[in-house]
Amino acid sequence: MASLLFMAIADNDADRFRRQAKVCRKESEKAGSLVDAASWLRLAEDFDKLAERERERLRYKRHHALER
């Protein structure tokens, strides 16, 4: 049961990272300079990478939980 709860939390973390990336992209559109826009976009990319890592970790845990 605890592993299912962990997986749900991890799923929420990945979704939270995706939402944060979306916010960063919107901020880049409002940025006052190209440097600021580029910084927001780099942050968005970082959040996307965190979300993907979290999803991969969740897939790995689910796969190994099924083997038990």
C-alpha atoms as a PDB file:
ATOM      1  CA  MET A   1       0.000   0.000   0.000  1.00  0.00           C
ATOM      2  CA  ALA A   2       2.786   2.428   0.874  1.00  0.00           C
ATOM      3  CA  SER A   3       4.436   1.872  -2.508  1.00  0.00           C
ATOM      4  CA  LEU A   4       1.174   2.816  -4.263  1.00  0.00           C
ATOM      5  CA  LEU A   5       1.012   6.011  -2.237  1.00  0.00           C
ATOM      6  CA  PHE A   6       4.633   6.769  -3.149  1.00  0.00           C
ATOM      7  CA  MET A   7       3.830   6.282  -6.840  1.00  0.00           C
ATOM      8  CA  ALA A   8       0.884   8.668  -6.615  1.00  0.00           C
ATOM      9  CA  ILE A   9       3.081  11.284  -4.954  1.00  0.00           C
ATOM     10  CA  ALA A  10       5.767  10.843  -7.618  1.00  0.00           C
ATOM     11  CA  ASP A  11       3.118  11.270 -10.310  1.00  0.00           C
ATOM     12  CA  ASN A  12       2.045  14.509  -8.653  1.00  0.00           C
ATOM     13  CA  ASP A  13       5.666  15.692  -8.538  1.00  0.00           C
ATOM     14  CA  ALA A  14       6.072  15.122 -12.274  1.00  0.00           C
ATOM     15  CA  ASP A  15       2.847  17.005 -12.944  1.00  0.00           C
ATOM     16  CA  ARG A  16       3.969  19.833 -10.685  1.00  0.00           C
ATOM     17  CA  PHE A  17       7.263  20.102 -12.588  1.00  0.00           C
ATOM     18  CA  ARG A  18       5.368  20.206 -15.912  1.00  0.00           C
ATOM     19  CA  ARG A  19       3.106  22.961 -14.601  1.00  0.00           C
ATOM     20  CA  GLN A  20       6.114  24.943 -13.425  1.00  0.00           C
ATOM     21  CA  ALA A  21       7.730  24.593 -16.858  1.00  0.00           C
ATOM     22  CA  LYS A  22       4.541  25.984 -18.404  1.00  0.00           C
ATOM     23  CA  VAL A  23       4.657  28.972 -16.041  1.00  0.00           C
ATOM     24  CA  CYS A  24       8.282  29.619 -16.998  1.00  0.00           C
ATOM     25  CA  ARG A  25       7.390  29.597 -20.695  1.00  0.00           C
ATOM     26  CA  LYS A  26       4.630  32.129 -20.087  1.00  0.00           C
ATOM     27  CA  GLU A  27       7.046  34.312 -18.132  1.00  0.00           C
ATOM     28  CA  SER A  28       9.509  34.157 -21.010  1.00  0.00           C
ATOM     29  CA  GLU A  29       6.855  35.659 -23.273  1.00  0.00           C
ATOM     30  CA  LYS A  30       6.490  38.603 -20.876  1.00  0.00           C
ATOM     31  CA  ALA A  31      10.211  39.104 -20.297  1.00  0.00           C
ATOM     32  CA  GLY A  32      11.583  42.567 -20.868  1.00  0.00           C
ATOM     33  CA  SER A  33      14.751  41.406 -22.594  1.00  0.00           C
ATOM     34  CA  LEU A  34      16.056  38.520 -24.653  1.00  0.00           C
ATOM     35  CA  VAL A  35      18.421  37.591 -21.828  1.00  0.00           C
ATOM     36  CA  ASP A  36      15.524  37.323 -19.380  1.00  0.00           C
ATOM     37  CA  ALA A  37      13.431  35.367 -21.878  1.00  0.00           C
ATOM     38  CA  ALA A  38      16.288  32.946 -22.464  1.00  0.00           C
ATOM     39  CA  SER A  39      16.706  32.472 -18.705  1.00  0.00           C
ATOM     40  CA  TRP A  40      13.008  31.654 -18.308  1.00  0.00           C
ATOM     41  CA  LEU A  41      13.224  29.169 -21.153  1.00  0.00           C
ATOM     42  CA  ARG A  42      16.250  27.473 -19.596  1.00  0.00           C
ATOM     43  CA  LEU A  43      14.303  27.146 -16.364  1.00  0.00           C
ATOM     44  CA  ALA A  44      11.402  25.628 -18.308  1.00  0.00           C
ATOM     45  CA  GLU A  45      13.768  23.089 -19.855  1.00  0.00           C
ATOM     46  CA  ASP A  46      15.141  22.223 -16.426  1.00  0.00           C
ATOM     47  CA  PHE A  47      11.636  21.650 -15.064  1.00  0.00           C
ATOM     48  CA  ASP A  48      10.797  19.503 -18.098  1.00  0.00           C
ATOM     49  CA  LYS A  49      13.881  17.389 -17.415  1.00  0.00           C
ATOM     50  CA  LEU A  50      12.917  17.022 -13.754  1.00  0.00           C
ATOM     51  CA  ALA A  51       9.429  15.927 -14.777  1.00  0.00           C
ATOM     52  CA  GLU A  52      10.791  13.359 -17.211  1.00  0.00           C
ATOM     53  CA  ARG A  53      13.239  11.981 -14.640  1.00  0.00           C
ATOM     54  CA  GLU A  54      10.422  11.694 -12.140  1.00  0.00           C
ATOM     55  CA  ARG A  55       8.235   9.862 -14.655  1.00  0.00           C
ATOM     56  CA  GLU A  56      11.101   7.489 -15.517  1.00  0.00           C
ATOM     57  CA  ARG A  57      11.707   6.828 -11.834  1.00  0.00           C
ATOM     58  CA  LEU A  58       8.026   6.102 -11.373  1.00  0.00           C
ATOM     59  CA  ARG A  59       7.996   3.698 -14.353  1.00  0.00           C
ATOM     60  CA  TYR A  60      11.016   1.902 -12.919  1.00  0.00           C
ATOM     61  CA  LYS A  61       9.408   1.594  -9.486  1.00  0.00           C
ATOM     62  CA  ARG A  62       6.123   0.361 -10.976  1.00  0.00           C
ATOM     63  CA  HIS A  63       7.939  -2.199 -13.087  1.00  0.00           C
ATOM     64  CA  HIS A  64       9.885  -3.528 -10.111  1.00  0.00           C
ATOM     65  CA  ALA A  65       6.833  -3.471  -7.841  1.00  0.00           C
ATOM     66  CA  LEU A  66       5.054  -5.764 -10.307  1.00  0.00           C
ATOM     67  CA  GLU A  67       7.957  -8.232 -10.191  1.00  0.00           C
ATOM     68  CA  ARG A  68       7.546  -8.778  -6.449  1.00  0.00           C
END
